Amino acid sequence: MCLAVPMRLVRRDGDFGLAEVGGIERKIGLQLVDEATVGDFVIVHAGFAIQKLDEEAAQESLALFEEMARLDV
């Protein structure tokens, strides 16, 4: 199963960047989201930012991920 995860862009170097969520950092491709700048939230799927996301939507999504992690399934 694949998930697209909201992450905050903490560093940008051309077409690549470093994104962070929950203390975990990942190198990501930014070729599909040219307008993303440091501090922006992006949706990351398979190592690539696929969409820029406003902070409110990102926080809402992250809260849902946390809630799902607490489910006893």
N, C-alpha and C. Protein backbone atom coordinates (compact mmCIF):
# COMPACT_ATOMS: atom_id res chain seq x y z
N MET A 1 0.85 -1.18 0.00
CA MET A 1 0.00 0.00 0.00
C MET A 1 0.89 1.23 0.00
N CYS A 2 0.55 2.19 -0.83
CA CYS A 2 1.32 3.43 -0.92
C CYS A 2 0.53 4.57 -0.29
N LEU A 3 1.24 5.44 0.38
CA LEU A 3 0.63 6.62 0.97
C LEU A 3 1.32 7.87 0.46
N ALA A 4 0.55 8.92 0.33
CA ALA A 4 1.11 10.24 0.06
C ALA A 4 1.06 10.99 1.38
N VAL A 5 2.19 11.53 1.80
CA VAL A 5 2.32 12.11 3.14
C VAL A 5 2.64 13.59 3.05
N PRO A 6 1.93 14.42 3.83
CA PRO A 6 2.29 15.84 3.89
C PRO A 6 3.61 16.01 4.65
N MET A 7 4.54 16.74 4.07
CA MET A 7 5.82 17.01 4.71
C MET A 7 6.18 18.48 4.50
N ARG A 8 6.93 19.03 5.46
CA ARG A 8 7.38 20.42 5.34
C ARG A 8 8.75 20.45 4.66
N LEU A 9 8.88 21.30 3.66
CA LEU A 9 10.14 21.46 2.94
C LEU A 9 11.09 22.28 3.81
N VAL A 10 12.23 21.69 4.19
CA VAL A 10 13.17 22.38 5.06
C VAL A 10 14.42 22.88 4.33
N ARG A 11 14.67 22.32 3.15
CA ARG A 11 15.81 22.80 2.35
C ARG A 11 15.52 22.51 0.89
N ARG A 12 15.93 23.43 0.04
CA ARG A 12 15.75 23.23 -1.40
C ARG A 12 17.08 23.49 -2.10
N ASP A 13 17.41 22.59 -3.02
CA ASP A 13 18.61 22.74 -3.84
C ASP A 13 18.23 22.36 -5.26
N GLY A 14 17.75 23.33 -6.01
CA GLY A 14 17.32 23.09 -7.39
C GLY A 14 16.09 22.20 -7.44
N ASP A 15 16.22 21.08 -8.14
CA ASP A 15 15.10 20.16 -8.31
C ASP A 15 14.94 19.16 -7.17
N PHE A 16 15.75 19.29 -6.14
CA PHE A 16 15.68 18.37 -5.01
C PHE A 16 15.58 19.16 -3.72
N GLY A 17 15.13 18.48 -2.68
CA GLY A 17 15.01 19.15 -1.40
C GLY A 17 15.01 18.15 -0.27
N LEU A 18 14.96 18.68 0.94
CA LEU A 18 14.87 17.88 2.14
C LEU A 18 13.55 18.23 2.81
N ALA A 19 12.74 17.21 3.07
CA ALA A 19 11.44 17.43 3.70
C ALA A 19 11.40 16.69 5.03
N GLU A 20 10.57 17.18 5.96
CA GLU A 20 10.52 16.63 7.31
C GLU A 20 9.08 16.48 7.76
N VAL A 21 8.84 15.40 8.49
CA VAL A 21 7.58 15.21 9.21
C VAL A 21 7.86 14.33 10.41
N GLY A 22 7.39 14.74 11.57
CA GLY A 22 7.56 13.94 12.78
C GLY A 22 9.00 13.64 13.13
N GLY A 23 9.91 14.54 12.79
CA GLY A 23 11.32 14.35 13.08
C GLY A 23 12.06 13.49 12.07
N ILE A 24 11.37 13.00 11.06
CA ILE A 24 11.98 12.17 10.01
C ILE A 24 12.21 13.03 8.78
N GLU A 25 13.44 13.02 8.27
CA GLU A 25 13.78 13.80 7.08
C GLU A 25 14.01 12.86 5.90
N ARG A 26 13.58 13.32 4.73
CA ARG A 26 13.76 12.55 3.50
C ARG A 26 14.17 13.48 2.37
N LYS A 27 15.08 12.99 1.52
CA LYS A 27 15.42 13.71 0.30
C LYS A 27 14.28 13.46 -0.69
N ILE A 28 13.79 14.53 -1.32
CA ILE A 28 12.66 14.40 -2.25
C ILE A 28 12.95 15.13 -3.55
N GLY A 29 12.29 14.69 -4.61
CA GLY A 29 12.34 15.37 -5.89
C GLY A 29 11.27 16.45 -5.94
N LEU A 30 11.62 17.60 -6.48
CA LEU A 30 10.70 18.74 -6.55
C LEU A 30 10.35 19.13 -7.98
N GLN A 31 10.65 18.26 -8.93
CA GLN A 31 10.45 18.57 -10.34
C GLN A 31 8.98 18.86 -10.67
N LEU A 32 8.05 18.27 -9.94
CA LEU A 32 6.63 18.44 -10.23
C LEU A 32 6.00 19.62 -9.50
N VAL A 33 6.75 20.23 -8.57
CA VAL A 33 6.21 21.32 -7.76
C VAL A 33 7.23 22.46 -7.74
N ASP A 34 7.39 23.11 -8.88
CA ASP A 34 8.39 24.18 -9.02
C ASP A 34 8.21 25.32 -8.03
N GLU A 35 6.94 25.61 -7.67
CA GLU A 35 6.66 26.78 -6.85
C GLU A 35 6.91 26.57 -5.35
N ALA A 36 7.25 25.35 -4.93
CA ALA A 36 7.46 25.07 -3.51
C ALA A 36 8.72 25.77 -3.00
N THR A 37 8.59 26.42 -1.85
CA THR A 37 9.72 27.10 -1.21
C THR A 37 9.88 26.55 0.20
N VAL A 38 11.03 26.80 0.79
CA VAL A 38 11.32 26.34 2.15
C VAL A 38 10.22 26.84 3.09
N GLY A 39 9.71 25.92 3.90
CA GLY A 39 8.63 26.23 4.83
C GLY A 39 7.27 25.77 4.34
N ASP A 40 7.14 25.54 3.05
CA ASP A 40 5.87 25.06 2.48
C ASP A 40 5.65 23.59 2.83
N PHE A 41 4.38 23.21 2.89
CA PHE A 41 4.03 21.80 2.97
C PHE A 41 3.81 21.28 1.57
N VAL A 42 4.29 20.07 1.33
CA VAL A 42 4.07 19.39 0.05
C VAL A 42 3.59 17.97 0.34
N ILE A 43 2.83 17.42 -0.58
CA ILE A 43 2.44 16.02 -0.48
C ILE A 43 3.52 15.20 -1.18
N VAL A 44 4.08 14.22 -0.46
CA VAL A 44 5.18 13.41 -0.99
C VAL A 44 4.68 11.99 -1.24
N HIS A 45 4.93 11.52 -2.46
CA HIS A 45 4.56 10.15 -2.85
C HIS A 45 5.72 9.56 -3.65
N ALA A 46 6.19 8.40 -3.22
CA ALA A 46 7.28 7.69 -3.91
C ALA A 46 8.51 8.56 -4.09
N GLY A 47 8.79 9.41 -3.08
CA GLY A 47 10.00 10.22 -3.12
C GLY A 47 9.90 11.52 -3.88
N PHE A 48 8.71 11.85 -4.37
CA PHE A 48 8.53 13.09 -5.12
C PHE A 48 7.41 13.93 -4.52
N ALA A 49 7.64 15.23 -4.43
CA ALA A 49 6.56 16.15 -4.06
C ALA A 49 5.63 16.23 -5.26
N ILE A 50 4.34 15.96 -5.04
CA ILE A 50 3.40 15.95 -6.15
C ILE A 50 2.41 17.11 -6.09
N GLN A 51 2.37 17.81 -4.94
CA GLN A 51 1.44 18.93 -4.81
C GLN A 51 1.83 19.78 -3.62
N LYS A 52 1.67 21.09 -3.76
CA LYS A 52 1.85 22.00 -2.64
C LYS A 52 0.55 22.01 -1.85
N LEU A 53 0.65 22.14 -0.53
CA LEU A 53 -0.50 22.03 0.35
C LEU A 53 -0.46 23.17 1.35
N ASP A 54 -1.62 23.79 1.64
CA ASP A 54 -1.60 24.85 2.65
C ASP A 54 -1.47 24.22 4.04
N GLU A 55 -0.98 25.00 4.99
CA GLU A 55 -0.65 24.46 6.32
C GLU A 55 -1.86 23.87 7.02
N GLU A 56 -3.02 24.50 6.89
CA GLU A 56 -4.22 23.98 7.56
C GLU A 56 -4.57 22.58 7.06
N ALA A 57 -4.56 22.38 5.76
CA ALA A 57 -4.86 21.06 5.19
C ALA A 57 -3.80 20.04 5.59
N ALA A 58 -2.54 20.47 5.62
CA ALA A 58 -1.46 19.56 6.02
C ALA A 58 -1.63 19.11 7.46
N GLN A 59 -1.91 20.05 8.36
CA GLN A 59 -2.08 19.71 9.77
C GLN A 59 -3.29 18.79 9.97
N GLU A 60 -4.35 19.03 9.21
CA GLU A 60 -5.54 18.18 9.30
C GLU A 60 -5.20 16.75 8.86
N SER A 61 -4.47 16.62 7.77
CA SER A 61 -4.07 15.29 7.28
C SER A 61 -3.15 14.59 8.28
N LEU A 62 -2.20 15.32 8.84
CA LEU A 62 -1.28 14.72 9.81
C LEU A 62 -2.02 14.26 11.06
N ALA A 63 -3.03 15.03 11.49
CA ALA A 63 -3.83 14.63 12.65
C ALA A 63 -4.58 13.33 12.36
N LEU A 64 -5.08 13.18 11.13
CA LEU A 64 -5.76 11.94 10.75
C LEU A 64 -4.79 10.75 10.75
N PHE A 65 -3.57 10.97 10.27
CA PHE A 65 -2.56 9.91 10.30
C PHE A 65 -2.29 9.48 11.74
N GLU A 66 -2.17 10.45 12.65
CA GLU A 66 -1.93 10.14 14.06
C GLU A 66 -3.10 9.35 14.65
N GLU A 67 -4.32 9.76 14.30
CA GLU A 67 -5.50 9.05 14.79
C GLU A 67 -5.53 7.61 14.28
N MET A 68 -5.20 7.41 13.01
CA MET A 68 -5.18 6.05 12.45
C MET A 68 -4.12 5.19 13.13
N ALA A 69 -3.00 5.79 13.51
CA ALA A 69 -1.93 5.04 14.16
C ALA A 69 -2.36 4.52 15.53
N ARG A 70 -3.32 5.20 16.15
CA ARG A 70 -3.80 4.79 17.47
C ARG A 70 -4.90 3.73 17.41
N LEU A 71 -5.45 3.47 16.22
CA LEU A 71 -6.52 2.49 16.09
C LEU A 71 -6.01 1.08 16.38
N ASP A 72 -6.83 0.32 17.04
CA ASP A 72 -6.49 -1.08 17.33
C ASP A 72 -7.19 -1.95 16.30
N VAL A 73 -6.50 -2.17 15.18
CA VAL A 73 -7.10 -2.92 14.08
C VAL A 73 -6.53 -4.31 14.02
